Amino acid sequence: MDEKKNPLFDQLQEKTNVNQQDLFNLANSVSNTDLSKEENIRQLIHQVSQLANVPVSKEKEDELVKAISNKDVPMDFASLAKLFQQKK
């Protein structure tokens, strides 16, 4: 499948204003990150926040860290893709 014509990436770019290459770069960095460490999770949250140009409050960051640490958030691409497709 041609990645440039993938409707999922079009939806992600439309909703987040983040281009496909930046998403691939982020996904690549996440795949090499140990998300069992709180420091790494916080760094990831900051990266996503900067990439999407959306500020994240300390309270929201703490909630996200807790959710990711408790594995309440799916971390595989297939599950995340389903979440985005459901919110049409």
N, C-alpha and C. Protein backbone atom coordinates (compact mmCIF):
# COMPACT_ATOMS: atom_id res chain seq x y z
N MET A 1 0.85 -1.19 0.00
CA MET A 1 0.00 0.00 0.00
C MET A 1 0.88 1.24 0.00
N ASP A 2 0.53 2.20 -0.78
CA ASP A 2 1.28 3.45 -0.87
C ASP A 2 0.99 4.29 0.37
N GLU A 3 2.04 4.56 1.16
CA GLU A 3 1.87 5.29 2.41
C GLU A 3 1.35 6.72 2.18
N LYS A 4 1.67 7.30 1.05
CA LYS A 4 1.25 8.67 0.78
C LYS A 4 -0.25 8.75 0.54
N LYS A 5 -0.88 7.64 0.19
CA LYS A 5 -2.31 7.63 -0.11
C LYS A 5 -3.12 6.98 1.02
N ASN A 6 -2.49 6.72 2.15
CA ASN A 6 -3.15 6.05 3.26
C ASN A 6 -4.12 7.00 3.95
N PRO A 7 -5.42 6.68 3.96
CA PRO A 7 -6.40 7.59 4.57
C PRO A 7 -6.19 7.78 6.07
N LEU A 8 -5.60 6.80 6.75
CA LEU A 8 -5.35 6.96 8.17
C LEU A 8 -4.39 8.12 8.42
N PHE A 9 -3.34 8.20 7.62
CA PHE A 9 -2.38 9.29 7.79
C PHE A 9 -2.99 10.63 7.40
N ASP A 10 -3.87 10.62 6.42
CA ASP A 10 -4.58 11.84 6.06
C ASP A 10 -5.44 12.31 7.24
N GLN A 11 -6.13 11.37 7.89
CA GLN A 11 -6.96 11.71 9.04
C GLN A 11 -6.11 12.24 10.19
N LEU A 12 -4.99 11.56 10.45
CA LEU A 12 -4.11 12.01 11.52
C LEU A 12 -3.58 13.41 11.26
N GLN A 13 -3.17 13.66 10.02
CA GLN A 13 -2.64 14.98 9.69
C GLN A 13 -3.74 16.04 9.82
N GLU A 14 -4.94 15.71 9.38
CA GLU A 14 -6.05 16.66 9.46
C GLU A 14 -6.39 16.99 10.92
N LYS A 15 -6.38 15.97 11.78
CA LYS A 15 -6.76 16.17 13.18
C LYS A 15 -5.65 16.78 14.02
N THR A 16 -4.39 16.48 13.67
CA THR A 16 -3.28 16.90 14.51
C THR A 16 -2.40 17.97 13.90
N ASN A 17 -2.53 18.19 12.58
CA ASN A 17 -1.67 19.12 11.86
C ASN A 17 -0.20 18.69 11.93
N VAL A 18 0.02 17.37 12.02
CA VAL A 18 1.37 16.81 12.04
C VAL A 18 1.53 15.99 10.77
N ASN A 19 2.61 16.24 10.03
CA ASN A 19 2.76 15.53 8.75
C ASN A 19 3.22 14.09 8.95
N GLN A 20 3.06 13.32 7.89
CA GLN A 20 3.32 11.88 7.92
C GLN A 20 4.76 11.57 8.32
N GLN A 21 5.72 12.29 7.78
CA GLN A 21 7.13 12.01 8.10
C GLN A 21 7.41 12.24 9.58
N ASP A 22 6.84 13.29 10.15
CA ASP A 22 7.02 13.54 11.59
C ASP A 22 6.39 12.42 12.41
N LEU A 23 5.24 11.90 11.95
CA LEU A 23 4.60 10.77 12.64
C LEU A 23 5.49 9.53 12.59
N PHE A 24 6.09 9.27 11.42
CA PHE A 24 6.99 8.12 11.30
C PHE A 24 8.21 8.30 12.21
N ASN A 25 8.75 9.49 12.24
CA ASN A 25 9.91 9.75 13.11
C ASN A 25 9.54 9.54 14.57
N LEU A 26 8.38 10.02 14.97
CA LEU A 26 7.93 9.84 16.35
C LEU A 26 7.72 8.35 16.65
N ALA A 27 7.05 7.65 15.74
CA ALA A 27 6.81 6.21 15.94
C ALA A 27 8.12 5.45 16.06
N ASN A 28 9.09 5.83 15.26
CA ASN A 28 10.40 5.18 15.32
C ASN A 28 11.07 5.43 16.66
N SER A 29 10.99 6.64 17.16
CA SER A 29 11.62 6.94 18.44
C SER A 29 10.90 6.23 19.58
N VAL A 30 9.58 6.09 19.48
CA VAL A 30 8.80 5.40 20.52
C VAL A 30 9.16 3.92 20.54
N SER A 31 9.34 3.33 19.37
CA SER A 31 9.63 1.90 19.32
C SER A 31 10.97 1.57 19.97
N ASN A 32 11.84 2.55 20.08
CA ASN A 32 13.15 2.34 20.70
C ASN A 32 13.22 2.88 22.13
N THR A 33 12.07 3.20 22.72
CA THR A 33 12.03 3.81 24.04
C THR A 33 11.45 2.84 25.06
N ASP A 34 12.07 2.78 26.23
CA ASP A 34 11.59 1.95 27.33
C ASP A 34 10.51 2.73 28.07
N LEU A 35 9.25 2.37 27.81
CA LEU A 35 8.13 3.10 28.41
C LEU A 35 7.77 2.58 29.80
N SER A 36 8.64 1.77 30.38
CA SER A 36 8.41 1.37 31.77
C SER A 36 9.03 2.39 32.72
N LYS A 37 9.79 3.32 32.16
CA LYS A 37 10.43 4.37 32.97
C LYS A 37 9.65 5.67 32.84
N GLU A 38 9.28 6.23 33.99
CA GLU A 38 8.48 7.46 34.00
C GLU A 38 9.17 8.60 33.26
N GLU A 39 10.47 8.72 33.40
CA GLU A 39 11.21 9.80 32.73
C GLU A 39 11.04 9.71 31.21
N ASN A 40 11.09 8.50 30.67
CA ASN A 40 10.92 8.31 29.23
C ASN A 40 9.50 8.65 28.78
N ILE A 41 8.53 8.30 29.61
CA ILE A 41 7.13 8.62 29.28
C ILE A 41 6.94 10.13 29.24
N ARG A 42 7.48 10.81 30.23
CA ARG A 42 7.36 12.28 30.27
C ARG A 42 8.05 12.92 29.06
N GLN A 43 9.20 12.39 28.68
CA GLN A 43 9.91 12.91 27.51
C GLN A 43 9.06 12.71 26.26
N LEU A 44 8.43 11.55 26.14
CA LEU A 44 7.56 11.28 24.99
C LEU A 44 6.38 12.24 24.96
N ILE A 45 5.77 12.49 26.11
CA ILE A 45 4.65 13.43 26.19
C ILE A 45 5.09 14.81 25.73
N HIS A 46 6.26 15.23 26.14
CA HIS A 46 6.78 16.54 25.72
C HIS A 46 7.02 16.58 24.21
N GLN A 47 7.56 15.49 23.66
CA GLN A 47 7.79 15.43 22.21
C GLN A 47 6.48 15.56 21.44
N VAL A 48 5.49 14.81 21.87
CA VAL A 48 4.19 14.85 21.18
C VAL A 48 3.56 16.22 21.33
N SER A 49 3.66 16.80 22.51
CA SER A 49 3.11 18.12 22.76
C SER A 49 3.74 19.16 21.83
N GLN A 50 5.05 19.12 21.70
CA GLN A 50 5.74 20.07 20.82
C GLN A 50 5.40 19.82 19.36
N LEU A 51 5.36 18.57 18.98
CA LEU A 51 5.07 18.22 17.59
C LEU A 51 3.68 18.69 17.18
N ALA A 52 2.71 18.50 18.06
CA ALA A 52 1.33 18.88 17.76
C ALA A 52 1.05 20.33 18.12
N ASN A 53 2.02 21.00 18.75
CA ASN A 53 1.86 22.38 19.19
C ASN A 53 0.65 22.54 20.12
N VAL A 54 0.56 21.59 21.07
CA VAL A 54 -0.53 21.59 22.05
C VAL A 54 0.10 21.54 23.44
N PRO A 55 -0.14 22.56 24.25
CA PRO A 55 0.43 22.55 25.60
C PRO A 55 -0.24 21.47 26.46
N VAL A 56 0.55 20.87 27.34
CA VAL A 56 0.04 19.85 28.26
C VAL A 56 0.34 20.33 29.68
N SER A 57 -0.72 20.48 30.47
CA SER A 57 -0.55 20.93 31.85
C SER A 57 0.13 19.83 32.67
N LYS A 58 0.69 20.21 33.80
CA LYS A 58 1.33 19.25 34.70
C LYS A 58 0.33 18.18 35.13
N GLU A 59 -0.90 18.60 35.40
CA GLU A 59 -1.93 17.65 35.83
C GLU A 59 -2.24 16.65 34.73
N LYS A 60 -2.38 17.13 33.50
CA LYS A 60 -2.66 16.24 32.36
C LYS A 60 -1.47 15.33 32.11
N GLU A 61 -0.27 15.87 32.22
CA GLU A 61 0.93 15.05 32.05
C GLU A 61 0.95 13.91 33.07
N ASP A 62 0.64 14.24 34.32
CA ASP A 62 0.59 13.21 35.37
C ASP A 62 -0.45 12.14 35.05
N GLU A 63 -1.61 12.56 34.55
CA GLU A 63 -2.66 11.60 34.17
C GLU A 63 -2.18 10.69 33.04
N LEU A 64 -1.52 11.29 32.05
CA LEU A 64 -1.02 10.51 30.92
C LEU A 64 0.06 9.52 31.37
N VAL A 65 0.95 9.97 32.23
CA VAL A 65 2.01 9.09 32.74
C VAL A 65 1.38 7.90 33.47
N LYS A 66 0.39 8.18 34.29
CA LYS A 66 -0.29 7.11 35.04
C LYS A 66 -0.97 6.13 34.09
N ALA A 67 -1.68 6.65 33.09
CA ALA A 67 -2.40 5.79 32.14
C ALA A 67 -1.42 4.92 31.34
N ILE A 68 -0.33 5.52 30.89
CA ILE A 68 0.65 4.76 30.11
C ILE A 68 1.37 3.74 31.00
N SER A 69 1.72 4.15 32.21
CA SER A 69 2.40 3.24 33.14
C SER A 69 1.52 2.05 33.50
N ASN A 70 0.22 2.29 33.64
CA ASN A 70 -0.72 1.23 33.99
C ASN A 70 -1.19 0.45 32.77
N LYS A 71 -0.66 0.82 31.61
CA LYS A 71 -1.03 0.18 30.33
C LYS A 71 -2.52 0.32 30.03
N ASP A 72 -3.09 1.47 30.43
CA ASP A 72 -4.48 1.78 30.12
C ASP A 72 -4.62 2.38 28.72
N VAL A 73 -3.50 2.62 28.06
CA VAL A 73 -3.47 3.20 26.72
C VAL A 73 -2.84 2.18 25.78
N PRO A 74 -3.50 1.83 24.67
CA PRO A 74 -2.88 0.87 23.75
C PRO A 74 -1.63 1.48 23.13
N MET A 75 -0.58 0.69 23.05
CA MET A 75 0.68 1.21 22.53
C MET A 75 1.05 0.60 21.17
N ASP A 76 0.21 -0.30 20.65
CA ASP A 76 0.52 -0.84 19.34
C ASP A 76 -0.23 -0.05 18.27
N PHE A 77 0.37 0.03 17.09
CA PHE A 77 -0.17 0.88 16.03
C PHE A 77 -1.57 0.45 15.61
N ALA A 78 -1.82 -0.85 15.55
CA ALA A 78 -3.13 -1.34 15.10
C ALA A 78 -4.25 -0.86 16.02
N SER A 79 -4.03 -0.92 17.32
CA SER A 79 -5.04 -0.46 18.28
C SER A 79 -5.24 1.04 18.20
N LEU A 80 -4.15 1.78 18.06
CA LEU A 80 -4.25 3.23 17.94
C LEU A 80 -4.97 3.61 16.65
N ALA A 81 -4.70 2.90 15.58
CA ALA A 81 -5.37 3.18 14.30
C ALA A 81 -6.87 2.97 14.44
N LYS A 82 -7.28 1.92 15.13
CA LYS A 82 -8.71 1.67 15.34
C LYS A 82 -9.35 2.81 16.12
N LEU A 83 -8.65 3.33 17.11
CA LEU A 83 -9.18 4.45 17.90
C LEU A 83 -9.44 5.66 17.01
N PHE A 84 -8.50 5.97 16.12
CA PHE A 84 -8.67 7.12 15.25
C PHE A 84 -9.79 6.90 14.25
N GLN A 85 -9.93 5.69 13.76
CA GLN A 85 -10.97 5.40 12.77
C GLN A 85 -12.35 5.45 13.39
N GLN A 86 -12.48 5.15 14.67
CA GLN A 86 -13.78 5.18 15.34
C GLN A 86 -14.27 6.60 15.55
N LYS A 87 -13.40 7.59 15.55
CA LYS A 87 -13.77 8.97 15.88
C LYS A 87 -14.07 9.80 14.65
N LYS A 88 -14.53 9.18 13.58
CA LYS A 88 -14.85 9.92 12.35
C LYS A 88 -16.01 10.85 12.56
